[in-house]
Amino acid sequence: MPADVRCFTMLGPPASGKGTQGRLLAERLGIAYLSTGARLRREIEEGSPLGQRAQVFLDRNQYVPDSLAVELVKSWVLRHEEGWLLDGFPRSIPQAEALLEFAPQAFTVIHLSVPEEELRSRVVTRRECISCGFVSTNDHEQCPKCGGELEARADDSAEGFEKRFQAYQSLTIPALELLKSRTTVVTIEGLGSREEVAVAIQDQLT
């Protein structure tokens, strides 16, 4: 395995900018990118067996079971040993333990920290491109990146945010503490423009 392989996970609360910053970093480094949430939604749209199993939980604004999430991510990671970035995985201690076990190389965790009230504000204006997955706001009628249609995510409601934020606090924060004891974790203040946050991430990684 080459010594310069770059592998990352991007963690943070809902609406912290994981998808935006994950895509920007993966494009800059030329590595593969996986949004576990987007991948699960695609599986549901395609009616795959995995998607059918996941839909029950996503309809309730719940995270999917650890075993299902690990199944989805493990096969993908092992196909991209040249470098990868995971957006939103691991979300729990069992998922973190699984990643530490099956990841074929060392990885760095990028943790985006954003105040709770800012997260709530972002959720009500967030729109996602149905073509390329680019995250924008309701200030735009079309995707600024590809011109595709923007739509609100089904889980971007006040109730959905509260459930996901509580799950993040109870499940993902403990996983983050475990990862801090086992690998490199860098925490980035996720306020500011997407360009400013991207520069902050780059500065921490160089």
N, C-alpha and C. Protein backbone atom coordinates (compact mmCIF):
# COMPACT_ATOMS: atom_id res chain seq x y z
N MET A 1 0.84 -1.20 0.00
CA MET A 1 0.00 0.00 0.00
C MET A 1 0.88 1.25 0.00
N PRO A 2 0.67 2.19 -0.92
CA PRO A 2 1.47 3.40 -0.94
C PRO A 2 1.37 4.17 0.36
N ALA A 3 2.49 4.77 0.78
CA ALA A 3 2.52 5.46 2.06
C ALA A 3 1.73 6.76 2.04
N ASP A 4 1.46 7.30 0.82
CA ASP A 4 0.81 8.60 0.74
C ASP A 4 -0.69 8.51 0.50
N VAL A 5 -1.28 7.34 0.69
CA VAL A 5 -2.72 7.20 0.54
C VAL A 5 -3.43 8.11 1.53
N ARG A 6 -4.46 8.82 1.08
CA ARG A 6 -5.19 9.74 1.93
C ARG A 6 -6.61 9.23 2.12
N CYS A 7 -7.00 9.02 3.36
CA CYS A 7 -8.33 8.51 3.67
C CYS A 7 -8.92 9.33 4.82
N PHE A 8 -10.23 9.65 4.71
CA PHE A 8 -10.86 10.54 5.68
C PHE A 8 -12.29 10.12 5.96
N THR A 9 -12.77 10.53 7.13
CA THR A 9 -14.21 10.54 7.39
C THR A 9 -14.57 11.96 7.81
N MET A 10 -15.78 12.39 7.42
CA MET A 10 -16.28 13.73 7.74
C MET A 10 -17.47 13.58 8.66
N LEU A 11 -17.33 14.04 9.91
CA LEU A 11 -18.40 13.91 10.89
C LEU A 11 -18.85 15.28 11.36
N GLY A 12 -20.10 15.35 11.78
CA GLY A 12 -20.65 16.58 12.30
C GLY A 12 -22.16 16.42 12.46
N PRO A 13 -22.80 17.35 13.16
CA PRO A 13 -24.25 17.27 13.33
C PRO A 13 -24.98 17.51 12.03
N PRO A 14 -26.28 17.26 11.98
CA PRO A 14 -27.05 17.51 10.75
C PRO A 14 -26.97 18.99 10.36
N ALA A 15 -26.79 19.24 9.07
CA ALA A 15 -26.69 20.59 8.49
C ALA A 15 -25.38 21.29 8.84
N SER A 16 -24.36 20.55 9.23
CA SER A 16 -23.07 21.16 9.56
C SER A 16 -22.21 21.40 8.33
N GLY A 17 -22.61 20.85 7.19
CA GLY A 17 -21.85 21.06 5.95
C GLY A 17 -20.98 19.89 5.57
N LYS A 18 -21.26 18.71 6.13
CA LYS A 18 -20.44 17.52 5.84
C LYS A 18 -20.41 17.22 4.35
N GLY A 19 -21.59 17.23 3.73
CA GLY A 19 -21.65 16.89 2.31
C GLY A 19 -20.90 17.88 1.44
N THR A 20 -21.13 19.17 1.70
CA THR A 20 -20.46 20.21 0.92
C THR A 20 -18.94 20.11 1.06
N GLN A 21 -18.47 20.07 2.30
CA GLN A 21 -17.02 20.05 2.53
C GLN A 21 -16.41 18.71 2.13
N GLY A 22 -17.14 17.64 2.29
CA GLY A 22 -16.63 16.33 1.88
C GLY A 22 -16.39 16.27 0.39
N ARG A 23 -17.35 16.77 -0.39
CA ARG A 23 -17.20 16.77 -1.85
C ARG A 23 -16.04 17.67 -2.28
N LEU A 24 -15.94 18.85 -1.66
CA LEU A 24 -14.87 19.78 -2.02
C LEU A 24 -13.50 19.16 -1.75
N LEU A 25 -13.33 18.53 -0.59
CA LEU A 25 -12.04 17.94 -0.25
C LEU A 25 -11.73 16.75 -1.14
N ALA A 26 -12.73 15.91 -1.39
CA ALA A 26 -12.49 14.73 -2.24
C ALA A 26 -12.09 15.16 -3.65
N GLU A 27 -12.75 16.20 -4.18
CA GLU A 27 -12.41 16.69 -5.52
C GLU A 27 -11.00 17.26 -5.54
N ARG A 28 -10.65 18.00 -4.50
CA ARG A 28 -9.32 18.61 -4.46
C ARG A 28 -8.22 17.56 -4.39
N LEU A 29 -8.46 16.48 -3.63
CA LEU A 29 -7.44 15.44 -3.47
C LEU A 29 -7.53 14.35 -4.53
N GLY A 30 -8.60 14.34 -5.31
CA GLY A 30 -8.77 13.31 -6.32
C GLY A 30 -9.02 11.93 -5.74
N ILE A 31 -9.82 11.88 -4.66
CA ILE A 31 -10.13 10.60 -4.03
C ILE A 31 -11.64 10.34 -4.13
N ALA A 32 -12.02 9.09 -3.90
CA ALA A 32 -13.43 8.71 -4.00
C ALA A 32 -14.22 9.27 -2.82
N TYR A 33 -15.49 9.57 -3.07
CA TYR A 33 -16.36 10.18 -2.05
C TYR A 33 -17.63 9.36 -1.89
N LEU A 34 -18.03 9.13 -0.65
CA LEU A 34 -19.28 8.40 -0.39
C LEU A 34 -20.09 9.12 0.67
N SER A 35 -21.30 9.56 0.31
CA SER A 35 -22.27 10.04 1.27
C SER A 35 -23.17 8.87 1.62
N THR A 36 -23.08 8.41 2.86
CA THR A 36 -23.88 7.24 3.23
C THR A 36 -25.36 7.55 3.16
N GLY A 37 -25.76 8.78 3.54
CA GLY A 37 -27.16 9.13 3.47
C GLY A 37 -27.68 9.16 2.05
N ALA A 38 -26.91 9.79 1.14
CA ALA A 38 -27.32 9.86 -0.26
C ALA A 38 -27.35 8.48 -0.89
N ARG A 39 -26.37 7.66 -0.53
CA ARG A 39 -26.32 6.30 -1.09
C ARG A 39 -27.53 5.49 -0.63
N LEU A 40 -27.91 5.64 0.63
CA LEU A 40 -29.09 4.93 1.12
C LEU A 40 -30.35 5.42 0.42
N ARG A 41 -30.46 6.74 0.22
CA ARG A 41 -31.63 7.26 -0.48
C ARG A 41 -31.69 6.74 -1.91
N ARG A 42 -30.52 6.58 -2.56
CA ARG A 42 -30.49 6.04 -3.91
C ARG A 42 -30.93 4.57 -3.91
N GLU A 43 -30.48 3.84 -2.91
CA GLU A 43 -30.88 2.42 -2.81
C GLU A 43 -32.40 2.31 -2.65
N ILE A 44 -32.97 3.25 -1.89
CA ILE A 44 -34.42 3.24 -1.69
C ILE A 44 -35.14 3.56 -3.00
N GLU A 45 -34.66 4.56 -3.72
CA GLU A 45 -35.28 4.93 -5.00
C GLU A 45 -35.24 3.78 -5.99
N GLU A 46 -34.14 3.02 -5.96
CA GLU A 46 -33.98 1.89 -6.88
C GLU A 46 -34.72 0.65 -6.41
N GLY A 47 -35.23 0.68 -5.18
CA GLY A 47 -35.98 -0.46 -4.65
C GLY A 47 -35.13 -1.68 -4.38
N SER A 48 -33.85 -1.48 -4.11
CA SER A 48 -32.96 -2.61 -3.84
C SER A 48 -33.31 -3.25 -2.50
N PRO A 49 -32.89 -4.50 -2.28
CA PRO A 49 -33.15 -5.13 -0.97
C PRO A 49 -32.60 -4.31 0.18
N LEU A 50 -31.39 -3.75 0.01
CA LEU A 50 -30.82 -2.92 1.06
C LEU A 50 -31.67 -1.67 1.27
N GLY A 51 -32.12 -1.08 0.17
CA GLY A 51 -32.95 0.12 0.28
C GLY A 51 -34.27 -0.15 0.96
N GLN A 52 -34.87 -1.28 0.68
CA GLN A 52 -36.13 -1.64 1.32
C GLN A 52 -35.94 -1.81 2.82
N ARG A 53 -34.82 -2.38 3.23
CA ARG A 53 -34.53 -2.53 4.66
C ARG A 53 -34.28 -1.18 5.31
N ALA A 54 -33.66 -0.26 4.56
CA ALA A 54 -33.32 1.04 5.14
C ALA A 54 -34.53 1.97 5.22
N GLN A 55 -35.46 1.84 4.30
CA GLN A 55 -36.56 2.80 4.21
C GLN A 55 -37.39 2.87 5.48
N VAL A 56 -37.58 1.74 6.12
CA VAL A 56 -38.37 1.69 7.35
C VAL A 56 -37.81 2.66 8.39
N PHE A 57 -36.50 2.71 8.48
CA PHE A 57 -35.86 3.56 9.50
C PHE A 57 -35.80 5.02 9.07
N LEU A 58 -35.49 5.27 7.80
CA LEU A 58 -35.40 6.65 7.33
C LEU A 58 -36.76 7.33 7.34
N ASP A 59 -37.83 6.57 7.12
CA ASP A 59 -39.18 7.14 7.18
C ASP A 59 -39.51 7.64 8.57
N ARG A 60 -38.83 7.10 9.56
CA ARG A 60 -39.06 7.52 10.96
C ARG A 60 -38.02 8.54 11.43
N ASN A 61 -37.21 9.04 10.49
CA ASN A 61 -36.11 9.95 10.83
C ASN A 61 -35.15 9.31 11.83
N GLN A 62 -34.91 8.02 11.64
CA GLN A 62 -33.98 7.28 12.48
C GLN A 62 -32.77 6.86 11.65
N TYR A 63 -31.63 6.69 12.33
CA TYR A 63 -30.48 6.12 11.65
C TYR A 63 -30.75 4.65 11.38
N VAL A 64 -30.18 4.14 10.29
CA VAL A 64 -30.34 2.72 9.99
C VAL A 64 -29.51 1.90 10.98
N PRO A 65 -29.83 0.62 11.15
CA PRO A 65 -29.06 -0.21 12.09
C PRO A 65 -27.58 -0.26 11.70
N ASP A 66 -26.74 -0.41 12.71
CA ASP A 66 -25.30 -0.43 12.47
C ASP A 66 -24.90 -1.48 11.45
N SER A 67 -25.50 -2.65 11.52
CA SER A 67 -25.10 -3.74 10.62
C SER A 67 -25.36 -3.37 9.17
N LEU A 68 -26.45 -2.67 8.90
CA LEU A 68 -26.79 -2.28 7.54
C LEU A 68 -25.82 -1.21 7.04
N ALA A 69 -25.54 -0.22 7.90
CA ALA A 69 -24.61 0.84 7.51
C ALA A 69 -23.21 0.29 7.25
N VAL A 70 -22.76 -0.61 8.10
CA VAL A 70 -21.44 -1.21 7.92
C VAL A 70 -21.38 -2.02 6.63
N GLU A 71 -22.44 -2.76 6.34
CA GLU A 71 -22.50 -3.53 5.09
C GLU A 71 -22.34 -2.62 3.88
N LEU A 72 -23.02 -1.48 3.91
CA LEU A 72 -22.98 -0.53 2.79
C LEU A 72 -21.58 0.04 2.60
N VAL A 73 -20.95 0.45 3.72
CA VAL A 73 -19.67 1.17 3.65
C VAL A 73 -18.50 0.23 3.42
N LYS A 74 -18.49 -0.91 4.07
CA LYS A 74 -17.34 -1.80 3.99
C LYS A 74 -17.02 -2.21 2.56
N SER A 75 -18.04 -2.64 1.82
CA SER A 75 -17.79 -3.10 0.45
C SER A 75 -17.27 -1.95 -0.41
N TRP A 76 -17.76 -0.74 -0.15
CA TRP A 76 -17.33 0.43 -0.93
C TRP A 76 -15.88 0.78 -0.61
N VAL A 77 -15.52 0.83 0.66
CA VAL A 77 -14.15 1.18 1.07
C VAL A 77 -13.14 0.21 0.48
N LEU A 78 -13.45 -1.06 0.52
CA LEU A 78 -12.51 -2.07 0.03
C LEU A 78 -12.32 -2.01 -1.48
N ARG A 79 -13.22 -1.28 -2.18
CA ARG A 79 -13.06 -1.10 -3.63
C ARG A 79 -12.29 0.18 -3.96
N HIS A 80 -11.96 0.98 -2.95
CA HIS A 80 -11.33 2.28 -3.19
C HIS A 80 -10.10 2.47 -2.30
N GLU A 81 -9.23 1.50 -2.33
CA GLU A 81 -8.06 1.55 -1.46
C GLU A 81 -7.06 2.65 -1.86
N GLU A 82 -7.25 3.25 -3.03
CA GLU A 82 -6.35 4.32 -3.44
C GLU A 82 -6.62 5.61 -2.68
N GLY A 83 -7.71 5.66 -1.95
CA GLY A 83 -8.04 6.85 -1.17
C GLY A 83 -9.54 7.07 -1.15
N TRP A 84 -10.07 7.52 -0.03
CA TRP A 84 -11.52 7.69 0.08
C TRP A 84 -11.88 8.72 1.14
N LEU A 85 -13.12 9.21 1.03
CA LEU A 85 -13.69 10.10 2.04
C LEU A 85 -15.12 9.65 2.31
N LEU A 86 -15.42 9.40 3.57
CA LEU A 86 -16.75 8.98 4.00
C LEU A 86 -17.46 10.17 4.63
N ASP A 87 -18.65 10.47 4.14
CA ASP A 87 -19.46 11.56 4.67
C ASP A 87 -20.54 10.96 5.58
N GLY A 88 -20.42 11.23 6.89
CA GLY A 88 -21.45 10.79 7.82
C GLY A 88 -21.29 9.37 8.34
N PHE A 89 -20.13 8.82 8.25
CA PHE A 89 -19.85 7.48 8.78
C PHE A 89 -18.47 7.50 9.41
N PRO A 90 -18.34 6.97 10.64
CA PRO A 90 -19.31 6.22 11.44
C PRO A 90 -20.18 7.13 12.29
N ARG A 91 -21.40 6.68 12.57
CA ARG A 91 -22.34 7.45 13.38
C ARG A 91 -22.49 6.90 14.79
N SER A 92 -21.86 5.79 15.11
CA SER A 92 -22.03 5.16 16.42
C SER A 92 -20.76 4.42 16.80
N ILE A 93 -20.67 4.01 18.05
CA ILE A 93 -19.49 3.27 18.50
C ILE A 93 -19.32 1.95 17.74
N PRO A 94 -20.38 1.14 17.56
CA PRO A 94 -20.20 -0.09 16.78
C PRO A 94 -19.71 0.17 15.36
N GLN A 95 -20.20 1.23 14.72
CA GLN A 95 -19.73 1.56 13.37
C GLN A 95 -18.27 2.01 13.39
N ALA A 96 -17.89 2.79 14.41
CA ALA A 96 -16.50 3.23 14.53
C ALA A 96 -15.57 2.04 14.74
N GLU A 97 -15.98 1.12 15.58
CA GLU A 97 -15.17 -0.08 15.82
C GLU A 97 -15.03 -0.90 14.55
N ALA A 98 -16.12 -1.00 13.78
CA ALA A 98 -16.06 -1.75 12.53
C ALA A 98 -15.12 -1.09 11.54
N LEU A 99 -15.19 0.23 11.42
CA LEU A 99 -14.32 0.94 10.48
C LEU A 99 -12.86 0.78 10.87
N LEU A 100 -12.56 0.89 12.14
CA LEU A 100 -11.18 0.71 12.59
C LEU A 100 -10.67 -0.69 12.26
N GLU A 101 -11.59 -1.65 12.21
CA GLU A 101 -11.20 -3.03 11.92
C GLU A 101 -11.05 -3.29 10.43
N PHE A 102 -11.99 -2.79 9.61
CA PHE A 102 -11.93 -3.17 8.19
C PHE A 102 -11.20 -2.18 7.29
N ALA A 103 -10.97 -0.95 7.76
CA ALA A 103 -10.25 0.02 6.92
C ALA A 103 -8.85 -0.50 6.63
N PRO A 104 -8.47 -0.61 5.36
CA PRO A 104 -7.16 -1.20 5.02
C PRO A 104 -5.99 -0.26 5.25
N GLN A 105 -6.25 0.99 5.64
CA GLN A 105 -5.18 1.93 5.91
C GLN A 105 -5.63 2.95 6.94
N ALA A 106 -4.67 3.72 7.47
CA ALA A 106 -4.98 4.73 8.46
C ALA A 106 -5.86 5.82 7.85
N PHE A 107 -6.71 6.43 8.67
CA PHE A 107 -7.57 7.49 8.18
C PHE A 107 -7.63 8.62 9.21
N THR A 108 -7.99 9.81 8.73
CA THR A 108 -8.14 10.99 9.57
C THR A 108 -9.61 11.36 9.66
N VAL A 109 -10.06 11.73 10.84
CA VAL A 109 -11.44 12.17 11.06
C VAL A 109 -11.48 13.70 11.05
N ILE A 110 -12.35 14.27 10.23
CA ILE A 110 -12.58 15.71 10.21
C ILE A 110 -13.93 15.96 10.86
N HIS A 111 -13.91 16.68 11.97
CA HIS A 111 -15.13 16.93 12.74
C HIS A 111 -15.54 18.38 12.59
N LEU A 112 -16.72 18.62 12.02
CA LEU A 112 -17.24 19.98 11.84
C LEU A 112 -18.09 20.36 13.05
N SER A 113 -17.74 21.46 13.68
CA SER A 113 -18.45 21.94 14.87
C SER A 113 -19.23 23.21 14.52
N VAL A 114 -20.55 23.17 14.74
CA VAL A 114 -21.43 24.30 14.41
C VAL A 114 -22.44 24.47 15.54
N PRO A 115 -22.69 25.71 16.01
CA PRO A 115 -23.68 25.93 17.08
C PRO A 115 -25.07 25.42 16.68
N GLU A 116 -25.80 24.96 17.67
CA GLU A 116 -27.10 24.34 17.42
C GLU A 116 -28.08 25.29 16.72
N GLU A 117 -28.14 26.55 17.14
CA GLU A 117 -29.09 27.47 16.52
C GLU A 117 -28.76 27.72 15.05
N GLU A 118 -27.49 27.76 14.71
CA GLU A 118 -27.10 27.91 13.32
C GLU A 118 -27.55 26.69 12.50
N LEU A 119 -27.45 25.51 13.08
CA LEU A 119 -27.89 24.30 12.40
C LEU A 119 -29.39 24.36 12.10
N ARG A 120 -30.17 24.80 13.07
CA ARG A 120 -31.62 24.91 12.86
C ARG A 120 -31.94 25.88 11.72
N SER A 121 -31.21 26.98 11.69
CA SER A 121 -31.43 27.97 10.63
C SER A 121 -31.10 27.39 9.27
N ARG A 122 -30.05 26.61 9.18
CA ARG A 122 -29.65 26.04 7.90
C ARG A 122 -30.66 25.03 7.38
N VAL A 123 -31.23 24.24 8.28
CA VAL A 123 -32.13 23.16 7.87
C VAL A 123 -33.33 23.69 7.09
N VAL A 124 -33.89 24.82 7.53
CA VAL A 124 -35.11 25.31 6.90
C VAL A 124 -34.86 25.92 5.53
N THR A 125 -33.61 26.22 5.20
CA THR A 125 -33.31 26.82 3.88
C THR A 125 -32.52 25.88 2.98
N ARG A 126 -32.15 24.71 3.46
CA ARG A 126 -31.28 23.84 2.69
C ARG A 126 -32.04 23.16 1.55
N ARG A 127 -31.39 23.12 0.39
CA ARG A 127 -31.92 22.42 -0.78
C ARG A 127 -30.79 21.58 -1.38
N GLU A 128 -31.15 20.43 -1.92
CA GLU A 128 -30.15 19.52 -2.49
C GLU A 128 -30.48 19.24 -3.95
N CYS A 129 -29.45 19.25 -4.80
CA CYS A 129 -29.66 18.99 -6.22
C CYS A 129 -29.97 17.52 -6.43
N ILE A 130 -31.04 17.25 -7.16
CA ILE A 130 -31.41 15.86 -7.39
C ILE A 130 -30.51 15.19 -8.43
N SER A 131 -29.73 15.99 -9.17
CA SER A 131 -28.85 15.43 -10.19
C SER A 131 -27.45 15.13 -9.67
N CYS A 132 -26.83 16.12 -9.00
CA CYS A 132 -25.43 15.94 -8.58
C CYS A 132 -25.23 15.91 -7.08
N GLY A 133 -26.28 16.18 -6.30
CA GLY A 133 -26.16 16.13 -4.85
C GLY A 133 -25.61 17.39 -4.22
N PHE A 134 -25.34 18.43 -5.01
CA PHE A 134 -24.79 19.67 -4.47
C PHE A 134 -25.81 20.29 -3.52
N VAL A 135 -25.33 20.76 -2.37
CA VAL A 135 -26.21 21.35 -1.36
C VAL A 135 -26.20 22.87 -1.50
N SER A 136 -27.38 23.46 -1.65
CA SER A 136 -27.51 24.90 -1.81
C SER A 136 -28.59 25.40 -0.86
N THR A 137 -29.14 26.58 -1.14
CA THR A 137 -30.21 27.14 -0.32
C THR A 137 -31.36 27.54 -1.21
N ASN A 138 -32.46 27.95 -0.56
CA ASN A 138 -33.63 28.35 -1.35
C ASN A 138 -33.46 29.72 -1.99
N ASP A 139 -32.26 30.31 -1.88
CA ASP A 139 -31.96 31.55 -2.62
C ASP A 139 -31.76 31.26 -4.11
N HIS A 140 -31.51 29.99 -4.45
CA HIS A 140 -31.27 29.61 -5.84
C HIS A 140 -32.45 28.81 -6.38
N GLU A 141 -32.80 29.06 -7.62
CA GLU A 141 -33.86 28.30 -8.27
C GLU A 141 -33.31 27.03 -8.90
N GLN A 142 -32.04 27.07 -9.31
CA GLN A 142 -31.40 25.91 -9.92
C GLN A 142 -30.06 25.67 -9.24
N CYS A 143 -29.54 24.46 -9.39
CA CYS A 143 -28.25 24.11 -8.81
C CYS A 143 -27.15 25.00 -9.39
N PRO A 144 -26.38 25.71 -8.55
CA PRO A 144 -25.31 26.56 -9.05
C PRO A 144 -24.20 25.77 -9.73
N LYS A 145 -24.13 24.47 -9.46
CA LYS A 145 -23.04 23.67 -10.01
C LYS A 145 -23.38 23.06 -11.36
N CYS A 146 -24.57 22.45 -11.48
CA CYS A 146 -24.90 21.74 -12.73
C CYS A 146 -26.18 22.22 -13.39
N GLY A 147 -26.91 23.14 -12.73
CA GLY A 147 -28.16 23.62 -13.30
C GLY A 147 -29.34 22.71 -13.06
N GLY A 148 -29.14 21.67 -12.25
CA GLY A 148 -30.21 20.72 -11.97
C GLY A 148 -31.27 21.27 -11.03
N GLU A 149 -32.29 20.47 -10.81
CA GLU A 149 -33.40 20.88 -9.95
C GLU A 149 -33.02 20.74 -8.47
N LEU A 150 -33.39 21.75 -7.68
CA LEU A 150 -33.15 21.72 -6.25
C LEU A 150 -34.44 21.35 -5.52
N GLU A 151 -34.31 20.53 -4.49
CA GLU A 151 -35.48 20.20 -3.69
C GLU A 151 -35.08 20.03 -2.24
N ALA A 152 -36.05 20.26 -1.35
CA ALA A 152 -35.80 20.06 0.07
C ALA A 152 -35.75 18.57 0.37
N ARG A 153 -34.87 18.17 1.27
CA ARG A 153 -34.81 16.77 1.67
C ARG A 153 -36.01 16.45 2.56
N ALA A 154 -36.50 15.23 2.44
CA ALA A 154 -37.69 14.83 3.20
C ALA A 154 -37.48 14.92 4.70
N ASP A 155 -36.22 14.75 5.15
CA ASP A 155 -35.96 14.77 6.59
C ASP A 155 -35.58 16.16 7.10
N ASP A 156 -35.64 17.19 6.23
CA ASP A 156 -35.31 18.55 6.65
C ASP A 156 -36.55 19.26 7.17
N SER A 157 -37.07 18.77 8.27
CA SER A 157 -38.17 19.41 8.98
C SER A 157 -37.71 19.67 10.40
N ALA A 158 -38.44 20.51 11.12
CA ALA A 158 -38.07 20.80 12.51
C ALA A 158 -38.04 19.52 13.34
N GLU A 159 -39.06 18.69 13.15
CA GLU A 159 -39.12 17.44 13.91
C GLU A 159 -37.98 16.50 13.50
N GLY A 160 -37.74 16.42 12.21
CA GLY A 160 -36.67 15.56 11.73
C GLY A 160 -35.32 16.00 12.24
N PHE A 161 -35.09 17.33 12.26
CA PHE A 161 -33.82 17.83 12.78
C PHE A 161 -33.63 17.47 14.24
N GLU A 162 -34.67 17.66 15.06
CA GLU A 162 -34.54 17.38 16.49
C GLU A 162 -34.18 15.92 16.73
N LYS A 163 -34.82 15.02 16.00
CA LYS A 163 -34.53 13.59 16.17
C LYS A 163 -33.09 13.28 15.77
N ARG A 164 -32.66 13.83 14.63
CA ARG A 164 -31.32 13.54 14.16
C ARG A 164 -30.25 14.19 15.02
N PHE A 165 -30.55 15.39 15.55
CA PHE A 165 -29.58 16.05 16.41
C PHE A 165 -29.43 15.31 17.73
N GLN A 166 -30.53 14.84 18.29
CA GLN A 166 -30.46 14.05 19.52
C GLN A 166 -29.69 12.76 19.30
N ALA A 167 -29.91 12.13 18.14
CA ALA A 167 -29.18 10.91 17.82
C ALA A 167 -27.69 11.19 17.67
N TYR A 168 -27.37 12.33 17.06
CA TYR A 168 -25.96 12.71 16.93
C TYR A 168 -25.31 12.86 18.29
N GLN A 169 -25.98 13.52 19.21
CA GLN A 169 -25.42 13.73 20.55
C GLN A 169 -25.24 12.42 21.32
N SER A 170 -26.23 11.54 21.20
CA SER A 170 -26.19 10.32 22.00
C SER A 170 -25.37 9.20 21.36
N LEU A 171 -25.25 9.20 20.04
CA LEU A 171 -24.57 8.11 19.35
C LEU A 171 -23.22 8.52 18.74
N THR A 172 -23.21 9.64 18.02
CA THR A 172 -22.01 10.00 17.27
C THR A 172 -20.94 10.65 18.14
N ILE A 173 -21.33 11.48 19.10
CA ILE A 173 -20.33 12.09 19.97
C ILE A 173 -19.52 11.02 20.72
N PRO A 174 -20.15 9.99 21.30
CA PRO A 174 -19.34 8.92 21.91
C PRO A 174 -18.43 8.20 20.91
N ALA A 175 -18.91 8.01 19.68
CA ALA A 175 -18.07 7.40 18.65
C ALA A 175 -16.87 8.28 18.34
N LEU A 176 -17.09 9.58 18.32
CA LEU A 176 -16.00 10.52 18.07
C LEU A 176 -14.95 10.45 19.17
N GLU A 177 -15.39 10.30 20.41
CA GLU A 177 -14.45 10.17 21.52
C GLU A 177 -13.62 8.90 21.38
N LEU A 178 -14.25 7.82 20.95
CA LEU A 178 -13.51 6.57 20.72
C LEU A 178 -12.46 6.78 19.63
N LEU A 179 -12.85 7.42 18.53
CA LEU A 179 -11.92 7.64 17.43
C LEU A 179 -10.75 8.51 17.85
N LYS A 180 -10.98 9.47 18.74
CA LYS A 180 -9.89 10.33 19.21
C LYS A 180 -8.79 9.52 19.89
N SER A 181 -9.17 8.41 20.48
CA SER A 181 -8.18 7.57 21.17
C SER A 181 -7.47 6.60 20.24
N ARG A 182 -7.95 6.51 18.99
CA ARG A 182 -7.41 5.49 18.09
C ARG A 182 -6.82 6.05 16.79
N THR A 183 -7.18 7.27 16.42
CA THR A 183 -6.69 7.83 15.16
C THR A 183 -6.68 9.35 15.26
N THR A 184 -6.27 10.03 14.21
CA THR A 184 -6.19 11.49 14.21
C THR A 184 -7.57 12.10 13.98
N VAL A 185 -7.94 13.03 14.85
CA VAL A 185 -9.20 13.76 14.72
C VAL A 185 -8.89 15.26 14.72
N VAL A 186 -9.35 15.98 13.70
CA VAL A 186 -9.20 17.43 13.67
C VAL A 186 -10.59 18.06 13.71
N THR A 187 -10.77 19.04 14.58
CA THR A 187 -12.05 19.73 14.71
C THR A 187 -11.98 21.09 14.03
N ILE A 188 -12.95 21.35 13.17
CA ILE A 188 -13.00 22.58 12.38
C ILE A 188 -14.26 23.35 12.74
N GLU A 189 -14.12 24.65 12.98
CA GLU A 189 -15.28 25.50 13.18
C GLU A 189 -16.01 25.63 11.85
N GLY A 190 -17.27 25.17 11.80
CA GLY A 190 -17.99 25.11 10.54
C GLY A 190 -18.78 26.34 10.19
N LEU A 191 -18.48 27.48 10.81
CA LEU A 191 -19.15 28.73 10.46
C LEU A 191 -18.38 29.44 9.36
N GLY A 192 -19.08 30.32 8.63
CA GLY A 192 -18.44 31.03 7.54
C GLY A 192 -18.90 30.47 6.21
N SER A 193 -18.38 31.03 5.12
CA SER A 193 -18.74 30.56 3.79
C SER A 193 -18.14 29.19 3.54
N ARG A 194 -18.64 28.51 2.52
CA ARG A 194 -18.10 27.18 2.21
C ARG A 194 -16.63 27.28 1.84
N GLU A 195 -16.24 28.39 1.20
CA GLU A 195 -14.84 28.57 0.84
C GLU A 195 -13.96 28.77 2.07
N GLU A 196 -14.46 29.55 3.04
CA GLU A 196 -13.70 29.79 4.27
C GLU A 196 -13.51 28.50 5.06
N VAL A 197 -14.55 27.70 5.15
CA VAL A 197 -14.44 26.43 5.89
C VAL A 197 -13.50 25.48 5.16
N ALA A 198 -13.57 25.45 3.83
CA ALA A 198 -12.68 24.59 3.04
C ALA A 198 -11.22 24.97 3.27
N VAL A 199 -10.93 26.27 3.33
CA VAL A 199 -9.56 26.72 3.59
C VAL A 199 -9.11 26.30 4.99
N ALA A 200 -10.02 26.41 5.97
CA ALA A 200 -9.68 26.01 7.34
C ALA A 200 -9.34 24.52 7.40
N ILE A 201 -10.09 23.70 6.67
CA ILE A 201 -9.82 22.27 6.63
C ILE A 201 -8.45 22.01 5.98
N GLN A 202 -8.22 22.66 4.88
CA GLN A 202 -6.96 22.48 4.17
C GLN A 202 -5.78 22.88 5.05
N ASP A 203 -5.92 23.97 5.80
CA ASP A 203 -4.85 24.42 6.67
C ASP A 203 -4.55 23.39 7.76
N GLN A 204 -5.59 22.74 8.27
CA GLN A 204 -5.40 21.75 9.33
C GLN A 204 -4.75 20.46 8.81
N LEU A 205 -4.93 20.19 7.53
CA LEU A 205 -4.41 18.93 6.97
C LEU A 205 -3.03 19.07 6.36
N THR A 206 -2.51 20.30 6.29
CA THR A 206 -1.20 20.50 5.68
C THR A 206 -0.16 20.89 6.72
